[in-house]
N, C-alpha and C. Protein backbone atom coordinates (compact mmCIF):
# COMPACT_ATOMS: atom_id res chain seq x y z
N MET A 1 0.85 -1.18 0.00
CA MET A 1 0.00 0.00 0.00
C MET A 1 0.89 1.24 0.00
N PRO A 2 0.62 2.21 -0.88
CA PRO A 2 1.47 3.39 -0.95
C PRO A 2 1.35 4.26 0.29
N LYS A 3 2.44 4.92 0.61
CA LYS A 3 2.43 5.84 1.75
C LYS A 3 1.63 7.08 1.38
N THR A 4 1.00 7.67 2.39
CA THR A 4 0.33 8.95 2.19
C THR A 4 0.98 9.97 3.11
N TYR A 5 1.05 11.19 2.63
CA TYR A 5 1.70 12.27 3.38
C TYR A 5 0.72 13.43 3.52
N SER A 6 0.78 14.10 4.65
CA SER A 6 -0.12 15.23 4.90
C SER A 6 0.30 16.43 4.07
N GLU A 7 -0.65 17.33 3.85
CA GLU A 7 -0.35 18.56 3.13
C GLU A 7 0.66 19.41 3.90
N GLU A 8 0.60 19.37 5.22
CA GLU A 8 1.55 20.13 6.04
C GLU A 8 2.97 19.62 5.82
N PHE A 9 3.12 18.31 5.75
CA PHE A 9 4.43 17.70 5.49
C PHE A 9 4.95 18.13 4.13
N LYS A 10 4.09 18.08 3.12
CA LYS A 10 4.48 18.47 1.77
C LYS A 10 4.88 19.94 1.72
N GLN A 11 4.10 20.79 2.40
CA GLN A 11 4.40 22.22 2.45
C GLN A 11 5.74 22.47 3.15
N MET A 12 5.99 21.74 4.24
CA MET A 12 7.24 21.89 4.97
C MET A 12 8.43 21.55 4.07
N LEU A 13 8.32 20.45 3.32
CA LEU A 13 9.41 20.08 2.41
C LEU A 13 9.58 21.12 1.31
N TYR A 14 8.48 21.66 0.81
CA TYR A 14 8.56 22.67 -0.24
C TYR A 14 9.25 23.94 0.27
N GLN A 15 8.92 24.34 1.50
CA GLN A 15 9.57 25.53 2.08
C GLN A 15 11.07 25.30 2.24
N LYS A 16 11.44 24.11 2.67
CA LYS A 16 12.87 23.79 2.80
C LYS A 16 13.54 23.79 1.43
N TYR A 17 12.84 23.28 0.42
CA TYR A 17 13.38 23.26 -0.94
C TYR A 17 13.58 24.69 -1.45
N LYS A 18 12.59 25.55 -1.18
CA LYS A 18 12.70 26.95 -1.61
C LYS A 18 13.85 27.66 -0.90
N SER A 19 14.17 27.23 0.32
CA SER A 19 15.25 27.89 1.06
C SER A 19 16.63 27.36 0.66
N GLY A 20 16.67 26.39 -0.26
CA GLY A 20 17.95 25.96 -0.79
C GLY A 20 18.32 24.50 -0.60
N GLU A 21 17.52 23.75 0.14
CA GLU A 21 17.82 22.33 0.30
C GLU A 21 17.54 21.59 -1.01
N THR A 22 18.26 20.55 -1.27
CA THR A 22 18.14 19.83 -2.54
C THR A 22 17.08 18.73 -2.48
N ILE A 23 16.61 18.35 -3.65
CA ILE A 23 15.66 17.23 -3.77
C ILE A 23 16.31 15.96 -3.23
N SER A 24 17.57 15.74 -3.57
CA SER A 24 18.28 14.54 -3.13
C SER A 24 18.33 14.45 -1.61
N SER A 25 18.58 15.58 -0.95
CA SER A 25 18.64 15.55 0.52
C SER A 25 17.28 15.22 1.11
N HIS A 26 16.21 15.69 0.49
CA HIS A 26 14.85 15.37 0.96
C HIS A 26 14.57 13.87 0.78
N CYS A 27 14.97 13.34 -0.36
CA CYS A 27 14.73 11.92 -0.63
C CYS A 27 15.39 11.05 0.44
N LYS A 28 16.63 11.37 0.79
CA LYS A 28 17.35 10.59 1.78
C LYS A 28 16.82 10.81 3.19
N ALA A 29 16.61 12.06 3.56
CA ALA A 29 16.22 12.38 4.94
C ALA A 29 14.80 11.94 5.28
N TYR A 30 13.89 12.01 4.32
CA TYR A 30 12.48 11.75 4.60
C TYR A 30 11.93 10.50 3.92
N ASP A 31 12.79 9.76 3.23
CA ASP A 31 12.40 8.52 2.56
C ASP A 31 11.19 8.75 1.63
N VAL A 32 11.35 9.76 0.77
CA VAL A 32 10.32 10.11 -0.20
C VAL A 32 10.93 9.98 -1.58
N SER A 33 10.17 9.46 -2.53
CA SER A 33 10.71 9.29 -3.87
C SER A 33 10.89 10.65 -4.56
N ARG A 34 11.85 10.66 -5.45
CA ARG A 34 12.14 11.88 -6.22
C ARG A 34 10.92 12.32 -7.04
N ILE A 35 10.25 11.38 -7.67
CA ILE A 35 9.10 11.72 -8.51
C ILE A 35 7.96 12.31 -7.67
N SER A 36 7.77 11.80 -6.45
CA SER A 36 6.74 12.36 -5.57
C SER A 36 7.05 13.82 -5.25
N LEU A 37 8.32 14.08 -4.93
CA LEU A 37 8.70 15.46 -4.61
C LEU A 37 8.48 16.38 -5.81
N TYR A 38 8.90 15.95 -6.98
CA TYR A 38 8.70 16.78 -8.17
C TYR A 38 7.21 17.04 -8.42
N ASN A 39 6.38 16.02 -8.25
CA ASN A 39 4.94 16.20 -8.43
C ASN A 39 4.36 17.17 -7.42
N TRP A 40 4.72 17.00 -6.14
CA TRP A 40 4.21 17.90 -5.11
C TRP A 40 4.66 19.33 -5.37
N PHE A 41 5.94 19.49 -5.67
CA PHE A 41 6.48 20.83 -5.83
C PHE A 41 5.93 21.52 -7.07
N SER A 42 5.67 20.76 -8.13
CA SER A 42 5.10 21.39 -9.32
C SER A 42 3.68 21.88 -9.04
N ASP A 43 2.94 21.17 -8.16
CA ASP A 43 1.60 21.61 -7.77
C ASP A 43 1.63 22.85 -6.89
N MET A 44 2.74 23.06 -6.18
CA MET A 44 2.84 24.18 -5.24
C MET A 44 3.49 25.42 -5.84
N LYS A 45 4.23 25.22 -6.90
CA LYS A 45 4.97 26.33 -7.50
C LYS A 45 4.00 27.38 -8.04
N PRO A 46 4.17 28.64 -7.63
CA PRO A 46 3.29 29.69 -8.14
C PRO A 46 3.43 29.82 -9.65
N ILE A 47 2.30 29.84 -10.34
CA ILE A 47 2.37 29.94 -11.80
C ILE A 47 1.56 31.10 -12.35
N VAL A 48 0.60 31.62 -11.57
CA VAL A 48 -0.26 32.69 -12.05
C VAL A 48 -0.33 33.77 -10.98
N LYS A 49 -0.15 35.00 -11.41
CA LYS A 49 -0.30 36.11 -10.49
C LYS A 49 -1.48 36.94 -10.96
N SER A 50 -2.45 37.14 -10.07
CA SER A 50 -3.64 37.90 -10.40
C SER A 50 -4.02 38.76 -9.21
N GLN A 51 -4.14 40.03 -9.42
CA GLN A 51 -4.53 40.97 -8.38
C GLN A 51 -3.68 40.83 -7.14
N GLY A 52 -2.38 40.66 -7.33
CA GLY A 52 -1.45 40.57 -6.22
C GLY A 52 -1.37 39.23 -5.53
N LYS A 53 -2.12 38.24 -5.99
CA LYS A 53 -2.11 36.91 -5.37
C LYS A 53 -1.43 35.93 -6.31
N MET A 54 -0.69 34.98 -5.73
CA MET A 54 -0.05 33.93 -6.52
C MET A 54 -0.89 32.66 -6.41
N TYR A 55 -1.08 31.98 -7.54
CA TYR A 55 -1.84 30.74 -7.57
C TYR A 55 -0.96 29.64 -8.14
N SER A 56 -1.02 28.46 -7.52
CA SER A 56 -0.27 27.31 -8.02
C SER A 56 -1.22 26.42 -8.81
N ALA A 57 -0.66 25.43 -9.47
CA ALA A 57 -1.48 24.48 -10.23
C ALA A 57 -2.46 23.78 -9.28
N GLY A 58 -2.00 23.43 -8.08
CA GLY A 58 -2.87 22.78 -7.10
C GLY A 58 -4.03 23.67 -6.69
N ASN A 59 -3.75 24.99 -6.49
CA ASN A 59 -4.81 25.93 -6.15
C ASN A 59 -5.83 26.02 -7.27
N ILE A 60 -5.35 26.08 -8.50
CA ILE A 60 -6.23 26.22 -9.64
C ILE A 60 -7.12 24.98 -9.78
N LEU A 61 -6.55 23.80 -9.59
CA LEU A 61 -7.35 22.57 -9.66
C LEU A 61 -8.42 22.54 -8.58
N ALA A 62 -8.06 22.96 -7.37
CA ALA A 62 -9.03 22.98 -6.27
C ALA A 62 -10.15 23.98 -6.57
N LEU A 63 -9.80 25.13 -7.12
CA LEU A 63 -10.81 26.12 -7.49
C LEU A 63 -11.72 25.60 -8.60
N GLN A 64 -11.16 24.89 -9.55
CA GLN A 64 -11.98 24.31 -10.62
C GLN A 64 -12.96 23.28 -10.08
N ARG A 65 -12.50 22.44 -9.16
CA ARG A 65 -13.40 21.44 -8.55
C ARG A 65 -14.53 22.12 -7.79
N GLU A 66 -14.18 23.16 -7.03
CA GLU A 66 -15.19 23.90 -6.26
C GLU A 66 -16.19 24.57 -7.20
N LEU A 67 -15.71 25.13 -8.29
CA LEU A 67 -16.60 25.76 -9.26
C LEU A 67 -17.58 24.74 -9.85
N GLU A 68 -17.10 23.56 -10.20
CA GLU A 68 -17.97 22.52 -10.75
C GLU A 68 -19.00 22.08 -9.72
N ARG A 69 -18.60 21.97 -8.47
CA ARG A 69 -19.53 21.59 -7.40
C ARG A 69 -20.63 22.64 -7.24
N LEU A 70 -20.24 23.91 -7.28
CA LEU A 70 -21.21 24.99 -7.13
C LEU A 70 -22.14 25.09 -8.33
N LYS A 71 -21.61 24.84 -9.52
CA LYS A 71 -22.46 24.83 -10.72
C LYS A 71 -23.53 23.74 -10.61
N ALA A 72 -23.12 22.56 -10.16
CA ALA A 72 -24.07 21.45 -10.00
C ALA A 72 -25.12 21.80 -8.94
N GLU A 73 -24.70 22.41 -7.86
CA GLU A 73 -25.63 22.80 -6.80
C GLU A 73 -26.63 23.84 -7.33
N ASN A 74 -26.13 24.81 -8.06
CA ASN A 74 -27.01 25.84 -8.63
C ASN A 74 -27.99 25.24 -9.62
N GLU A 75 -27.56 24.25 -10.38
CA GLU A 75 -28.46 23.59 -11.34
C GLU A 75 -29.59 22.88 -10.60
N ILE A 76 -29.29 22.28 -9.46
CA ILE A 76 -30.33 21.63 -8.64
C ILE A 76 -31.34 22.67 -8.18
N TYR A 77 -30.85 23.82 -7.70
CA TYR A 77 -31.76 24.88 -7.26
C TYR A 77 -32.61 25.40 -8.42
N ARG A 78 -31.98 25.55 -9.60
CA ARG A 78 -32.71 26.06 -10.77
C ARG A 78 -33.83 25.10 -11.17
N ILE A 79 -33.52 23.82 -11.22
CA ILE A 79 -34.50 22.81 -11.63
C ILE A 79 -35.64 22.73 -10.61
N SER A 80 -35.33 22.85 -9.34
CA SER A 80 -36.35 22.72 -8.30
C SER A 80 -37.19 23.98 -8.13
N GLY A 81 -36.76 25.08 -8.77
CA GLY A 81 -37.50 26.33 -8.64
C GLY A 81 -37.19 27.07 -7.35
N CYS A 82 -36.18 26.65 -6.68
CA CYS A 82 -35.79 27.26 -5.41
C CYS A 82 -34.98 28.54 -5.70
N THR A 83 -35.34 29.61 -5.00
CA THR A 83 -34.58 30.86 -5.11
C THR A 83 -34.30 31.38 -3.71
N PRO A 84 -33.38 32.33 -3.58
CA PRO A 84 -33.12 32.90 -2.25
C PRO A 84 -34.35 33.54 -1.63
N LYS A 85 -35.30 33.98 -2.46
CA LYS A 85 -36.49 34.64 -1.95
C LYS A 85 -37.65 33.67 -1.71
N SER A 86 -37.45 32.38 -2.00
CA SER A 86 -38.49 31.39 -1.78
C SER A 86 -38.78 31.27 -0.29
N PRO A 87 -40.08 31.23 0.07
CA PRO A 87 -40.39 31.09 1.50
C PRO A 87 -40.03 29.68 2.00
N LEU A 88 -39.65 29.62 3.26
CA LEU A 88 -39.34 28.32 3.86
C LEU A 88 -40.64 27.64 4.25
N LYS A 89 -40.72 26.34 4.05
CA LYS A 89 -41.91 25.58 4.41
C LYS A 89 -41.57 24.63 5.53
N ASN A 90 -42.52 24.42 6.43
CA ASN A 90 -42.33 23.48 7.55
C ASN A 90 -42.72 22.12 7.13
């Protein structure tokens, strides 16, 4: 069964990488594969700057998933005829 790592752990390794530690040192010290580190770090690397905020690929994917969830929820409300001004029924 593959190991799973917390987001905090991944963020900690990324911060250390940004401060100058090497991928090789992370692999040895934390027993993490090189490909895992590259995948995690590519998701965390800022790629888009908009209105003073930096967004990574991981942020963009999370925002896309949330947008799709909200679209589906709104479609349910539209089909059911529910609006914010609809009275509540007991």
